[in-house]
Every structure is written in structure tokens, then in C-alpha cells.
PDB file of N, CA and C in Angstrom:
ATOM      1  N   MET A   1      91.539 -12.641  42.481  1.00  0.00           N
ATOM      2  CA  MET A   1      91.230 -11.436  41.737  1.00  0.00           C
ATOM      3  C   MET A   1      89.826 -11.512  41.133  1.00  0.00           C
ATOM      4  N   ILE A   2      89.536 -12.640  40.465  1.00  0.00           N
ATOM      5  CA  ILE A   2      88.216 -12.796  39.848  1.00  0.00           C
ATOM      6  C   ILE A   2      87.145 -12.931  40.930  1.00  0.00           C
ATOM      7  N   ALA A   3      87.484 -13.614  42.023  1.00  0.00           N
ATOM      8  CA  ALA A   3      86.517 -13.780  43.106  1.00  0.00           C
ATOM      9  C   ALA A   3      86.174 -12.432  43.731  1.00  0.00           C
ATOM     10  N   ALA A   4      87.154 -11.556  43.864  1.00  0.00           N
ATOM     11  CA  ALA A   4      86.905 -10.244  44.436  1.00  0.00           C
ATOM     12  C   ALA A   4      86.033  -9.409  43.507  1.00  0.00           C
ATOM     13  N   MET A   5      86.276  -9.489  42.201  1.00  0.00           N
ATOM     14  CA  MET A   5      85.465  -8.748  41.242  1.00  0.00           C
ATOM     15  C   MET A   5      84.033  -9.279  41.214  1.00  0.00           C
ATOM     16  N   LEU A   6      83.910 -10.612  41.282  1.00  0.00           N
ATOM     17  CA  LEU A   6      82.583 -11.217  41.298  1.00  0.00           C
ATOM     18  C   LEU A   6      81.827 -10.816  42.563  1.00  0.00           C
ATOM     19  N   THR A   7      82.511 -10.815  43.690  1.00  0.00           N
ATOM     20  CA  THR A   7      81.891 -10.396  44.940  1.00  0.00           C
ATOM     21  C   THR A   7      81.456  -8.938  44.863  1.00  0.00           C
ATOM     22  N   PHE A   8      82.326  -8.086  44.324  1.00  0.00           N
ATOM     23  CA  PHE A   8      81.994  -6.672  44.183  1.00  0.00           C
ATOM     24  C   PHE A   8      80.790  -6.485  43.255  1.00  0.00           C
ATOM     25  N   ALA A   9      80.721  -7.252  42.160  1.00  0.00           N
ATOM     26  CA  ALA A   9      79.596  -7.148  41.223  1.00  0.00           C
ATOM     27  C   ALA A   9      78.293  -7.575  41.887  1.00  0.00           C
ATOM     28  N   ILE A  10      78.344  -8.636  42.670  1.00  0.00           N
ATOM     29  CA  ILE A  10      77.136  -9.106  43.348  1.00  0.00           C
ATOM     30  C   ILE A  10      76.675  -8.091  44.393  1.00  0.00           C
ATOM     31  N   VAL A  11      77.621  -7.534  45.156  1.00  0.00           N
ATOM     32  CA  VAL A  11      77.272  -6.531  46.160  1.00  0.00           C
ATOM     33  C   VAL A  11      76.685  -5.297  45.483  1.00  0.00           C
ATOM     34  N   LEU A  12      77.269  -4.879  44.374  1.00  0.00           N
ATOM     35  CA  LEU A  12      76.764  -3.723  43.638  1.00  0.00           C
ATOM     36  C   LEU A  12      75.357  -3.989  43.106  1.00  0.00           C
ATOM     37  N   LEU A  13      75.129  -5.192  42.603  1.00  0.00           N
ATOM     38  CA  LEU A  13      73.814  -5.563  42.097  1.00  0.00           C
ATOM     39  C   LEU A  13      72.774  -5.520  43.217  1.00  0.00           C
ATOM     40  N   PHE A  14      73.081  -6.131  44.359  1.00  0.00           N
ATOM     41  CA  PHE A  14      72.136  -6.129  45.471  1.00  0.00           C
ATOM     42  C   PHE A  14      71.907  -4.723  46.005  1.00  0.00           C
ATOM     43  N   THR A  15      72.943  -3.899  46.012  1.00  0.00           N
ATOM     44  CA  THR A  15      72.788  -2.519  46.461  1.00  0.00           C
ATOM     45  C   THR A  15      71.847  -1.752  45.538  1.00  0.00           C
ATOM     46  N   PHE A  16      72.035  -1.921  44.234  1.00  0.00           N
ATOM     47  CA  PHE A  16      71.180  -1.253  43.258  1.00  0.00           C
ATOM     48  C   PHE A  16      69.737  -1.720  43.381  1.00  0.00           C
ATOM     49  N   ILE A  17      69.537  -3.016  43.512  1.00  0.00           N
ATOM     50  CA  ILE A  17      68.182  -3.562  43.629  1.00  0.00           C
ATOM     51  C   ILE A  17      67.535  -3.097  44.937  1.00  0.00           C
ATOM     52  N   GLY A  18      68.305  -3.055  46.016  1.00  0.00           N
ATOM     53  CA  GLY A  18      67.767  -2.581  47.297  1.00  0.00           C
ATOM     54  C   GLY A  18      67.362  -1.119  47.232  1.00  0.00           C
ATOM     55  N   ALA A  19      68.206  -0.300  46.586  1.00  0.00           N
ATOM     56  CA  ALA A  19      67.879   1.129  46.452  1.00  0.00           C
ATOM     57  C   ALA A  19      66.618   1.308  45.605  1.00  0.00           C
ATOM     58  N   ALA A  20      66.502   0.541  44.524  1.00  0.00           N
ATOM     59  CA  ALA A  20      65.307   0.631  43.672  1.00  0.00           C
ATOM     60  C   ALA A  20      64.060   0.209  44.451  1.00  0.00           C
ATOM     61  N   ALA A  21      64.185  -0.826  45.278  1.00  0.00           N
ATOM     62  CA  ALA A  21      63.037  -1.283  46.069  1.00  0.00           C
ATOM     63  C   ALA A  21      62.619  -0.226  47.092  1.00  0.00           C
ATOM     64  N   VAL A  22      63.598   0.401  47.754  1.00  0.00           N
ATOM     65  CA  VAL A  22      63.287   1.434  48.742  1.00  0.00           C
ATOM     66  C   VAL A  22      62.615   2.620  48.071  1.00  0.00           C
ATOM     67  N   LEU A  23      63.117   3.043  46.909  1.00  0.00           N
ATOM     68  CA  LEU A  23      62.516   4.159  46.189  1.00  0.00           C
ATOM     69  C   LEU A  23      61.092   3.830  45.729  1.00  0.00           C
ATOM     70  N   THR A  24      60.883   2.602  45.287  1.00  0.00           N
ATOM     71  CA  THR A  24      59.538   2.184  44.859  1.00  0.00           C
ATOM     72  C   THR A  24      58.563   2.205  46.031  1.00  0.00           C
ATOM     73  N   ILE A  25      58.994   1.688  47.169  1.00  0.00           N
ATOM     74  CA  ILE A  25      58.127   1.678  48.343  1.00  0.00           C
ATOM     75  C   ILE A  25      57.835   3.099  48.808  1.00  0.00           C
ATOM     76  N   ALA A  26      58.833   3.972  48.766  1.00  0.00           N
ATOM     77  CA  ALA A  26      58.620   5.359  49.166  1.00  0.00           C
ATOM     78  C   ALA A  26      57.637   6.056  48.228  1.00  0.00           C
ATOM     79  N   ASP A  27      57.765   5.797  46.918  1.00  0.00           N
ATOM     80  CA  ASP A  27      56.848   6.393  45.950  1.00  0.00           C
ATOM     81  C   ASP A  27      55.422   5.911  46.188  1.00  0.00           C
ATOM     82  N   CYS A  28      55.256   4.616  46.440  1.00  0.00           N
ATOM     83  CA  CYS A  28      53.923   4.073  46.713  1.00  0.00           C
ATOM     84  C   CYS A  28      53.348   4.658  48.000  1.00  0.00           C
ATOM     85  N   ALA A  29      54.191   4.872  49.012  1.00  0.00           N
ATOM     86  CA  ALA A  29      53.711   5.443  50.267  1.00  0.00           C
ATOM     87  C   ALA A  29      53.234   6.877  50.066  1.00  0.00           C
ATOM     88  N   VAL A  30      53.960   7.652  49.270  1.00  0.00           N
ATOM     89  CA  VAL A  30      53.562   9.037  49.008  1.00  0.00           C
ATOM     90  C   VAL A  30      52.226   9.069  48.243  1.00  0.00           C
ATOM     91  N   LYS A  31      52.103   8.214  47.230  1.00  0.00           N
ATOM     92  CA  LYS A  31      50.853   8.160  46.460  1.00  0.00           C
ATOM     93  C   LYS A  31      49.691   7.689  47.330  1.00  0.00           C
ATOM     94  N   ALA A  32      49.950   6.713  48.200  1.00  0.00           N
ATOM     95  CA  ALA A  32      48.894   6.207  49.075  1.00  0.00           C
ATOM     96  C   ALA A  32      48.457   7.271  50.071  1.00  0.00           C
ATOM     97  N   ARG A  33      49.399   8.047  50.604  1.00  0.00           N
ATOM     98  CA  ARG A  33      49.056   9.103  51.544  1.00  0.00           C
ATOM     99  C   ARG A  33      48.196  10.167  50.863  1.00  0.00           C
ATOM    100  N   HIS A  34      48.547  10.493  49.621  1.00  0.00           N
ATOM    101  CA  HIS A  34      47.763  11.481  48.869  1.00  0.00           C
ATOM    102  C   HIS A  34      46.345  10.957  48.596  1.00  0.00           C
ATOM    103  N   ALA A  35      46.242   9.694  48.197  1.00  0.00           N
ATOM    104  CA  ALA A  35      44.927   9.111  47.915  1.00  0.00           C
ATOM    105  C   ALA A  35      44.077   9.038  49.187  1.00  0.00           C
ATOM    106  N   TYR A  36      44.711   8.701  50.317  1.00  0.00           N
ATOM    107  CA  TYR A  36      43.976   8.632  51.582  1.00  0.00           C
ATOM    108  C   TYR A  36      43.468  10.009  51.994  1.00  0.00           C
ATOM    109  N   ALA A  37      44.310  11.021  51.830  1.00  0.00           N
ATOM    110  CA  ALA A  37      43.886  12.380  52.171  1.00  0.00           C
ATOM    111  C   ALA A  37      42.727  12.823  51.280  1.00  0.00           C
ATOM    112  N   GLN A  38      42.782  12.474  50.003  1.00  0.00           N
ATOM    113  CA  GLN A  38      41.697  12.809  49.074  1.00  0.00           C
ATOM    114  C   GLN A  38      40.398  12.130  49.503  1.00  0.00           C
ATOM    115  N   LEU A  39      40.493  10.861  49.879  1.00  0.00           N
ATOM    116  CA  LEU A  39      39.292  10.134  50.322  1.00  0.00           C
ATOM    117  C   LEU A  39      38.718  10.730  51.603  1.00  0.00           C
ATOM    118  N   MET A  40      39.579  11.144  52.508  1.00  0.00           N
ATOM    119  CA  MET A  40      39.089  11.738  53.754  1.00  0.00           C
ATOM    120  C   MET A  40      38.407  13.081  53.486  1.00  0.00           C
ATOM    121  N   ARG A  41      38.935  13.879  52.558  1.00  0.00           N
ATOM    122  CA  ARG A  41      38.276  15.140  52.196  1.00  0.00           C
ATOM    123  C   ARG A  41      36.910  14.872  51.585  1.00  0.00           C
ATOM    124  N   GLU A  42      36.835  13.898  50.677  1.00  0.00           N
ATOM    125  CA  GLU A  42      35.556  13.568  50.052  1.00  0.00           C
ATOM    126  C   GLU A  42      34.563  13.029  51.081  1.00  0.00           C
ATOM    127  N   ALA A  43      35.045  12.235  52.034  1.00  0.00           N
ATOM    128  CA  ALA A  43      34.153  11.704  53.074  1.00  0.00           C
ATOM    129  C   ALA A  43      33.610  12.833  53.947  1.00  0.00           C
ATOM    130  N   ALA A  44      34.466  13.804  54.264  1.00  0.00           N
ATOM    131  CA  ALA A  44      34.007  14.942  55.075  1.00  0.00           C
ATOM    132  C   ALA A  44      32.965  15.751  54.315  1.00  0.00           C
ATOM    133  N   LEU A  45      33.159  15.930  53.015  1.00  0.00           N
ATOM    134  CA  LEU A  45      32.168  16.644  52.217  1.00  0.00           C
ATOM    135  C   LEU A  45      30.853  15.881  52.144  1.00  0.00           C
ATOM    136  N   MET A  46      30.940  14.567  51.987  1.00  0.00           N
ATOM    137  CA  MET A  46      29.726  13.752  51.909  1.00  0.00           C
ATOM    138  C   MET A  46      28.960  13.807  53.231  1.00  0.00           C
ATOM    139  N   GLU A  47      29.678  13.782  54.357  1.00  0.00           N
ATOM    140  CA  GLU A  47      29.016  13.856  55.658  1.00  0.00           C
ATOM    141  C   GLU A  47      28.371  15.225  55.865  1.00  0.00           C
ATOM    142  N   ALA A  48      28.946  16.262  55.250  1.00  0.00           N
ATOM    143  CA  ALA A  48      28.386  17.603  55.373  1.00  0.00           C
ATOM    144  C   ALA A  48      27.177  17.798  54.468  1.00  0.00           C
ATOM    145  N   GLY A  49      26.918  16.844  53.582  1.00  0.00           N
ATOM    146  CA  GLY A  49      25.742  16.918  52.734  1.00  0.00           C
ATOM    147  C   GLY A  49      26.019  17.385  51.321  1.00  0.00           C
ATOM    148  N   PHE A  50      27.278  17.506  50.963  1.00  0.00           N
ATOM    149  CA  PHE A  50      27.618  17.914  49.601  1.00  0.00           C
ATOM    150  C   PHE A  50      27.900  16.687  48.758  1.00  0.00           C
ATOM    151  N   ALA A  51      27.653  16.817  47.465  1.00  0.00           N
ATOM    152  CA  ALA A  51      27.976  15.742  46.530  1.00  0.00           C
ATOM    153  C   ALA A  51      29.272  16.101  45.814  1.00  0.00           C
ATOM    154  N   VAL A  52      30.178  15.159  45.746  1.00  0.00           N
ATOM    155  CA  VAL A  52      31.471  15.387  45.103  1.00  0.00           C
ATOM    156  C   VAL A  52      31.295  15.224  43.603  1.00  0.00           C
ATOM    157  N   GLN A  53      31.747  16.217  42.858  1.00  0.00           N
ATOM    158  CA  GLN A  53      31.655  16.141  41.405  1.00  0.00           C
ATOM    159  C   GLN A  53      32.940  15.537  40.868  1.00  0.00           C
ATOM    160  N   VAL A  54      32.797  14.536  40.020  1.00  0.00           N
ATOM    161  CA  VAL A  54      33.952  13.839  39.460  1.00  0.00           C
ATOM    162  C   VAL A  54      34.521  14.665  38.322  1.00  0.00           C
ATOM    163  N   PRO A  55      35.851  14.848  38.289  1.00  0.00           N
ATOM    164  CA  PRO A  55      36.443  15.578  37.165  1.00  0.00           C
ATOM    165  C   PRO A  55      36.185  14.859  35.844  1.00  0.00           C
ATOM    166  N   THR A  56      36.087  15.635  34.779  1.00  0.00           N
ATOM    167  CA  THR A  56      35.743  15.031  33.486  1.00  0.00           C
ATOM    168  C   THR A  56      36.826  14.099  32.980  1.00  0.00           C
ATOM    169  N   GLN A  57      38.064  14.261  33.439  1.00  0.00           N
ATOM    170  CA  GLN A  57      39.125  13.359  32.986  1.00  0.00           C
ATOM    171  C   GLN A  57      38.882  11.941  33.486  1.00  0.00           C
ATOM    172  N   GLU A  58      38.193  11.802  34.599  1.00  0.00           N
ATOM    173  CA  GLU A  58      37.979  10.490  35.181  1.00  0.00           C
ATOM    174  C   GLU A  58      36.696   9.819  34.687  1.00  0.00           C
ATOM    175  N   LEU A  59      35.876  10.547  33.959  1.00  0.00           N
ATOM    176  CA  LEU A  59      34.658   9.950  33.419  1.00  0.00           C
ATOM    177  C   LEU A  59      35.006   9.135  32.181  1.00  0.00           C
ATOM    178  N   ARG A  60      34.427   8.002  32.072  1.00  0.00           N
ATOM    179  CA  ARG A  60      34.646   7.157  30.901  1.00  0.00           C
ATOM    180  C   ARG A  60      33.330   6.988  30.170  1.00  0.00           C
ATOM    181  N   MET A  61      33.413   7.068  28.888  1.00  0.00           N
ATOM    182  CA  MET A  61      32.213   6.837  28.095  1.00  0.00           C
ATOM    183  C   MET A  61      32.027   5.332  27.954  1.00  0.00           C
ATOM    184  N   ARG A  62      30.847   4.887  28.285  1.00  0.00           N
ATOM    185  CA  ARG A  62      30.548   3.467  28.137  1.00  0.00           C
ATOM    186  C   ARG A  62      29.734   3.278  26.877  1.00  0.00           C
ATOM    187  N   ARG A  63      30.052   2.235  26.165  1.00  0.00           N
ATOM    188  CA  ARG A  63      29.237   1.956  24.988  1.00  0.00           C
ATOM    189  C   ARG A  63      27.934   1.316  25.440  1.00  0.00           C
ATOM    190  N   ALA A  64      26.963   1.412  24.582  1.00  0.00           N
ATOM    191  CA  ALA A  64      25.648   0.870  24.909  1.00  0.00           C
ATOM    192  C   ALA A  64      25.753  -0.636  25.105  1.00  0.00           C
ATOM    193  N   PRO A  65      25.017  -1.168  26.062  1.00  0.00           N
ATOM    194  CA  PRO A  65      25.099  -2.616  26.268  1.00  0.00           C
ATOM    195  C   PRO A  65      24.570  -3.367  25.056  1.00  0.00           C
ATOM    196  N   VAL A  66      25.250  -4.402  24.721  1.00  0.00           N
ATOM    197  CA  VAL A  66      24.873  -5.209  23.561  1.00  0.00           C
ATOM    198  C   VAL A  66      24.008  -6.357  24.063  1.00  0.00           C
ATOM    199  N   ARG A  67      22.837  -6.458  23.506  1.00  0.00           N
ATOM    200  CA  ARG A  67      21.939  -7.542  23.903  1.00  0.00           C
ATOM    201  C   ARG A  67      21.973  -8.616  22.836  1.00  0.00           C
ATOM    202  N   LEU A  68      22.353  -9.760  23.249  1.00  0.00           N
ATOM    203  CA  LEU A  68      22.452 -10.879  22.326  1.00  0.00           C
ATOM    204  C   LEU A  68      21.432 -11.932  22.716  1.00  0.00           C
ATOM    205  N   THR A  69      20.821 -12.477  21.725  1.00  0.00           N
ATOM    206  CA  THR A  69      19.955 -13.616  22.006  1.00  0.00           C
ATOM    207  C   THR A  69      20.844 -14.851  22.026  1.00  0.00           C
ATOM    208  N   PRO A  70      20.570 -15.755  22.911  1.00  0.00           N
ATOM    209  CA  PRO A  70      21.431 -16.938  22.974  1.00  0.00           C
ATOM    210  C   PRO A  70      21.343 -17.730  21.666  1.00  0.00           C
ATOM    211  N   ASP A  71      22.479 -18.192  21.240  1.00  0.00           N
ATOM    212  CA  ASP A  71      22.517 -18.987  20.009  1.00  0.00           C
ATOM    213  C   ASP A  71      21.796 -20.311  20.240  1.00  0.00           C
ATOM    214  N   ARG A  72      21.024 -20.673  19.264  1.00  0.00           N
ATOM    215  CA  ARG A  72      20.383 -21.984  19.351  1.00  0.00           C
ATOM    216  C   ARG A  72      21.358 -23.014  18.817  1.00  0.00           C
ATOM    217  N   ARG A  73      21.534 -24.005  19.600  1.00  0.00           N
ATOM    218  CA  ARG A  73      22.461 -25.056  19.166  1.00  0.00           C
ATOM    219  C   ARG A  73      21.692 -26.054  18.307  1.00  0.00           C
ATOM    220  N   ALA A  74      22.354 -26.476  17.284  1.00  0.00           N
ATOM    221  CA  ALA A  74      21.737 -27.457  16.410  1.00  0.00           C
ATOM    222  C   ALA A  74      21.565 -28.772  17.173  1.00  0.00           C
ATOM    223  N   VAL A  75      20.519 -29.459  16.847  1.00  0.00           N
ATOM    224  CA  VAL A  75      20.285 -30.749  17.480  1.00  0.00           C
ATOM    225  C   VAL A  75      21.397 -31.685  17.032  1.00  0.00           C
ATOM    226  N   PRO A  76      22.080 -32.318  17.974  1.00  0.00           N
ATOM    227  CA  PRO A  76      23.186 -33.187  17.557  1.00  0.00           C
ATOM    228  C   PRO A  76      22.671 -34.344  16.703  1.00  0.00           C
ATOM    229  N   MET A  77      23.435 -34.641  15.696  1.00  0.00           N
ATOM    230  CA  MET A  77      23.047 -35.736  14.807  1.00  0.00           C
ATOM    231  C   MET A  77      23.205 -37.061  15.552  1.00  0.00           C
ATOM    232  N   ARG A  78      22.250 -37.895  15.360  1.00  0.00           N
ATOM    233  CA  ARG A  78      22.322 -39.207  15.982  1.00  0.00           C
ATOM    234  C   ARG A  78      23.236 -40.096  15.158  1.00  0.00           C
ATOM    235  N   LEU A  79      23.938 -40.938  15.857  1.00  0.00           N
ATOM    236  CA  LEU A  79      24.825 -41.857  15.147  1.00  0.00           C
ATOM    237  C   LEU A  79      23.980 -42.862  14.376  1.00  0.00           C
ATOM    238  N   ARG A  80      24.325 -42.976  13.152  1.00  0.00           N
ATOM    239  CA  ARG A  80      23.615 -43.946  12.333  1.00  0.00           C
ATOM    240  C   ARG A  80      24.393 -45.247  12.287  1.00  0.00           C
ATOM    241  N   GLN A  81      23.702 -46.300  12.292  1.00  0.00           N
ATOM    242  CA  GLN A  81      24.386 -47.568  12.177  1.00  0.00           C
ATOM    243  C   GLN A  81      24.766 -47.772  10.714  1.00  0.00           C
ATOM    244  N   LEU A  82      26.028 -48.076  10.510  1.00  0.00           N
ATOM    245  CA  LEU A  82      26.512 -48.305   9.166  1.00  0.00           C
ATOM    246  C   LEU A  82      26.443 -49.768   8.830  1.00  0.00           C
ATOM    247  N   PRO A  83      26.262 -50.051   7.596  1.00  0.00           N
ATOM    248  CA  PRO A  83      26.283 -51.470   7.206  1.00  0.00           C
ATOM    249  C   PRO A  83      27.643 -52.076   7.493  1.00  0.00           C
ATOM    250  N   ALA A  84      27.687 -53.330   7.723  1.00  0.00           N
ATOM    251  CA  ALA A  84      28.926 -54.013   8.083  1.00  0.00           C
ATOM    252  C   ALA A  84      29.983 -53.896   6.990  1.00  0.00           C
ATOM    253  N   CYS A  85      29.575 -53.802   5.734  1.00  0.00           N
ATOM    254  CA  CYS A  85      30.555 -53.723   4.664  1.00  0.00           C
ATOM    255  C   CYS A  85      31.244 -52.358   4.651  1.00  0.00           C
ATOM    256  N   ALA A  86      30.570 -51.333   5.089  1.00  0.00           N
ATOM    257  CA  ALA A  86      31.155 -49.994   5.111  1.00  0.00           C
ATOM    258  C   ALA A  86      32.144 -49.825   6.258  1.00  0.00           C
ATOM    259  N   VAL A  87      31.909 -50.553   7.347  1.00  0.00           N
ATOM    260  CA  VAL A  87      32.777 -50.454   8.503  1.00  0.00           C
ATOM    261  C   VAL A  87      34.078 -51.165   8.258  1.00  0.00           C
ATOM    262  N   ALA A  88      34.037 -52.282   7.645  1.00  0.00           N
ATOM    263  CA  ALA A  88      35.241 -53.105   7.459  1.00  0.00           C
ATOM    264  C   ALA A  88      36.158 -52.614   6.416  1.00  0.00           C
TER     265      ALA A  88
END
């Protein structure tokens, strides 16, 4: 009885995971087909001599580049020899 329920649970789990994987792959294929068609339209326009204008939603504002001068590293301190009484 428990073995049958466990088997049914495992089969149900694999079925659910398989269905989710198939749906994910189908969604990615639809999005990829749309993106490919968009690229082909833009390529045809570019070959015809037109410039494609980017929608304003896709433009990102970039902040001004920050110019930093390299930090000067302090000269490392040289090891000083300590008197023998201080070491011991």
C-alpha cells in the first residue's frame, strides 16, 4: 500500500516537472522566434539604408565616468632590528 502511494507520488512529481520543463522550453522558443523576427526586420531596414531608432524604454542613462587617480601606496616600513633584550 505504501509502496504504491510512493510510486504514485514519484510518478506525479516527474510528470509535473516534465510538464513544467516542456512549457518552459515552449515559452523560450516563442520568445526566441519573436526576437529573431525582430532582428531580421532590423537587418532588412539597415540594408535598405535606414537607421533603426531605439525605443526610449530601452535607453539607459549612464552616469558620467568617474576618473580616479591611482592611490599611492605608502613605502613599506623596513624591518628594524630589535635589541636582543626586547626579543627575548
